N, C-alpha and C. Protein backbone atom coordinates (compact mmCIF):
# COMPACT_ATOMS: atom_id res chain seq x y z
N UNK A 1 63.54 67.24 47.45
CA UNK A 1 62.46 66.45 47.98
C UNK A 1 62.75 64.96 47.79
N UNK A 2 63.25 64.58 46.62
CA UNK A 2 63.54 63.17 46.38
C UNK A 2 64.63 62.65 47.30
N UNK A 3 65.64 63.46 47.55
CA UNK A 3 66.72 63.02 48.43
C UNK A 3 66.21 62.76 49.84
N UNK A 4 65.36 63.64 50.34
CA UNK A 4 64.79 63.45 51.67
C UNK A 4 63.91 62.21 51.71
N UNK A 5 63.13 62.00 50.65
CA UNK A 5 62.27 60.82 50.58
C UNK A 5 63.12 59.55 50.58
N UNK A 6 64.19 59.55 49.81
CA UNK A 6 65.05 58.37 49.76
C UNK A 6 65.69 58.10 51.11
N UNK A 7 66.07 59.15 51.82
CA UNK A 7 66.64 58.99 53.15
C UNK A 7 65.64 58.34 54.10
N UNK A 8 64.40 58.82 54.07
CA UNK A 8 63.37 58.24 54.94
C UNK A 8 63.05 56.81 54.54
N UNK A 9 62.96 56.53 53.25
CA UNK A 9 62.69 55.18 52.79
C UNK A 9 63.81 54.22 53.20
N UNK A 10 65.05 54.69 53.15
CA UNK A 10 66.18 53.83 53.53
C UNK A 10 66.14 53.48 55.02
N UNK A 11 65.37 54.25 55.78
CA UNK A 11 65.19 53.97 57.21
C UNK A 11 63.91 53.18 57.46
N UNK A 12 63.26 52.75 56.35
CA UNK A 12 62.05 51.96 56.47
C UNK A 12 60.81 52.77 56.77
N UNK A 13 60.91 54.07 56.65
CA UNK A 13 59.77 54.95 56.92
C UNK A 13 59.01 55.21 55.64
N UNK A 14 57.75 55.55 55.78
CA UNK A 14 56.93 55.87 54.63
C UNK A 14 56.98 57.35 54.32
N UNK A 15 56.66 57.69 53.10
CA UNK A 15 56.61 59.08 52.68
C UNK A 15 55.41 59.30 51.76
N UNK A 16 54.93 60.52 51.74
CA UNK A 16 53.92 60.93 50.78
C UNK A 16 54.52 62.09 50.01
N UNK A 17 54.60 61.95 48.71
CA UNK A 17 55.17 62.99 47.87
C UNK A 17 54.07 63.60 47.01
N UNK A 18 53.97 64.88 47.05
CA UNK A 18 53.01 65.60 46.23
C UNK A 18 53.80 66.28 45.13
N UNK A 19 53.91 65.60 44.02
CA UNK A 19 54.74 66.13 42.93
C UNK A 19 54.39 65.45 41.63
N UNK A 20 54.95 65.96 40.57
CA UNK A 20 54.78 65.36 39.27
C UNK A 20 56.07 64.64 38.92
N UNK A 21 55.96 63.37 38.65
CA UNK A 21 57.12 62.57 38.26
C UNK A 21 56.99 62.23 36.79
N UNK A 22 57.31 63.19 35.95
CA UNK A 22 57.18 62.98 34.50
C UNK A 22 58.23 62.02 33.98
N UNK A 23 59.39 62.07 34.59
CA UNK A 23 60.48 61.22 34.11
C UNK A 23 60.37 59.83 34.74
N UNK A 24 60.34 58.82 33.90
CA UNK A 24 60.23 57.45 34.42
C UNK A 24 61.44 57.09 35.27
N UNK A 25 62.60 57.70 34.99
CA UNK A 25 63.81 57.42 35.78
C UNK A 25 63.61 57.83 37.24
N UNK A 26 62.93 58.96 37.46
CA UNK A 26 62.67 59.42 38.83
C UNK A 26 61.75 58.44 39.55
N UNK A 27 60.68 58.03 38.86
CA UNK A 27 59.75 57.07 39.47
C UNK A 27 60.45 55.75 39.75
N UNK A 28 61.21 55.26 38.78
CA UNK A 28 61.90 53.98 38.94
C UNK A 28 62.88 54.02 40.11
N UNK A 29 63.60 55.12 40.24
CA UNK A 29 64.59 55.24 41.33
C UNK A 29 63.89 55.20 42.69
N UNK A 30 62.80 55.93 42.80
CA UNK A 30 62.05 55.97 44.05
C UNK A 30 61.45 54.60 44.37
N UNK A 31 60.89 53.93 43.37
CA UNK A 31 60.32 52.60 43.57
C UNK A 31 61.41 51.61 43.98
N UNK A 32 62.57 51.72 43.36
CA UNK A 32 63.69 50.84 43.71
C UNK A 32 64.14 51.04 45.15
N UNK A 33 64.24 52.28 45.58
CA UNK A 33 64.63 52.58 46.96
C UNK A 33 63.60 51.99 47.93
N UNK A 34 62.33 52.17 47.62
CA UNK A 34 61.27 51.64 48.48
C UNK A 34 61.33 50.11 48.53
N UNK A 35 61.51 49.48 47.39
CA UNK A 35 61.55 48.01 47.33
C UNK A 35 62.72 47.45 48.14
N UNK A 36 63.88 48.10 48.02
CA UNK A 36 65.06 47.64 48.78
C UNK A 36 64.84 47.73 50.27
N UNK A 37 63.90 48.56 50.69
CA UNK A 37 63.64 48.75 52.12
C UNK A 37 62.28 48.22 52.54
N UNK A 38 61.69 47.38 51.69
CA UNK A 38 60.40 46.72 51.97
C UNK A 38 59.29 47.71 52.31
N UNK A 39 59.30 48.84 51.64
CA UNK A 39 58.26 49.85 51.82
C UNK A 39 57.35 49.80 50.59
N UNK A 40 56.05 49.56 50.78
CA UNK A 40 55.15 49.49 49.63
C UNK A 40 55.00 50.85 48.95
N UNK A 41 54.69 50.82 47.65
CA UNK A 41 54.56 52.04 46.86
C UNK A 41 53.16 52.09 46.25
N UNK A 42 52.58 53.29 46.25
CA UNK A 42 51.30 53.50 45.58
C UNK A 42 51.38 54.85 44.88
N UNK A 43 51.02 54.86 43.61
CA UNK A 43 50.95 56.11 42.85
C UNK A 43 49.48 56.47 42.70
N UNK A 44 49.16 57.72 42.90
CA UNK A 44 47.80 58.22 42.70
C UNK A 44 47.88 59.28 41.61
N UNK A 45 47.15 59.07 40.54
CA UNK A 45 47.15 60.03 39.45
C UNK A 45 45.84 60.80 39.48
N UNK A 46 45.95 62.11 39.52
CA UNK A 46 44.77 62.97 39.51
C UNK A 46 44.69 63.66 38.15
N UNK A 47 43.52 63.69 37.60
CA UNK A 47 43.32 64.31 36.29
C UNK A 47 42.21 65.34 36.37
N UNK A 48 42.32 66.31 35.51
CA UNK A 48 41.28 67.33 35.39
C UNK A 48 41.17 67.72 33.92
N UNK A 49 39.98 68.10 33.52
CA UNK A 49 39.77 68.54 32.16
C UNK A 49 40.44 69.89 31.90
N UNK A 50 40.59 70.22 30.64
CA UNK A 50 41.28 71.47 30.27
C UNK A 50 40.60 72.69 30.88
N UNK A 51 39.29 72.76 30.85
CA UNK A 51 38.59 73.91 31.42
C UNK A 51 38.86 74.05 32.91
N UNK A 52 38.89 72.93 33.62
CA UNK A 52 39.16 72.97 35.06
C UNK A 52 40.59 73.39 35.34
N UNK A 53 41.52 72.91 34.55
CA UNK A 53 42.92 73.30 34.72
C UNK A 53 43.08 74.81 34.51
N UNK A 54 42.45 75.33 33.46
CA UNK A 54 42.52 76.77 33.19
C UNK A 54 41.86 77.58 34.31
N UNK A 55 40.74 77.09 34.83
CA UNK A 55 40.06 77.77 35.94
C UNK A 55 40.96 77.81 37.17
N UNK A 56 41.57 76.68 37.49
CA UNK A 56 42.46 76.62 38.67
C UNK A 56 43.68 77.51 38.49
N UNK A 57 44.26 77.52 37.29
CA UNK A 57 45.43 78.37 37.04
C UNK A 57 45.06 79.84 37.18
N UNK A 58 43.92 80.24 36.65
CA UNK A 58 43.49 81.63 36.77
C UNK A 58 43.24 82.00 38.22
N UNK A 59 42.63 81.10 38.98
CA UNK A 59 42.38 81.36 40.40
C UNK A 59 43.69 81.48 41.16
N UNK A 60 44.64 80.60 40.86
CA UNK A 60 45.94 80.65 41.51
C UNK A 60 46.65 81.97 41.20
N UNK A 61 46.68 82.33 39.93
CA UNK A 61 47.38 83.55 39.53
C UNK A 61 46.74 84.80 40.12
N UNK A 62 45.44 84.77 40.32
CA UNK A 62 44.78 85.94 40.90
C UNK A 62 45.08 86.09 42.38
N UNK A 63 45.50 85.00 43.02
CA UNK A 63 45.81 85.05 44.46
C UNK A 63 47.30 85.01 44.75
N UNK A 64 48.10 84.67 43.75
CA UNK A 64 49.53 84.51 43.96
C UNK A 64 50.20 85.84 44.27
N UNK A 65 51.21 85.77 45.08
CA UNK A 65 52.00 86.94 45.41
C UNK A 65 53.11 87.06 44.37
N UNK A 66 52.75 87.56 43.19
CA UNK A 66 53.67 87.66 42.08
C UNK A 66 54.35 89.01 42.06
N UNK A 67 55.62 89.06 41.59
CA UNK A 67 56.30 90.35 41.48
C UNK A 67 55.50 91.30 40.59
N UNK A 68 55.43 92.53 40.97
CA UNK A 68 54.73 93.54 40.19
C UNK A 68 53.24 93.59 40.47
N UNK A 69 52.78 92.79 41.40
CA UNK A 69 51.36 92.76 41.75
C UNK A 69 51.06 93.68 42.89
């Protein structure tokens, strides 16, 4: 996903990435690529409380097509 985003950014195109960038190196690399190509960057951080996270995980697992299900 990052490679494709970098390719699009190098062409001056915008991208929307739905992912977790835990490593600052990944964020920095993406920001650098965007800056070199005059593409603005915006990070949106979404948070949820522990109970909501557990509720969502349980709902996902109950609907997921998991092996042995």
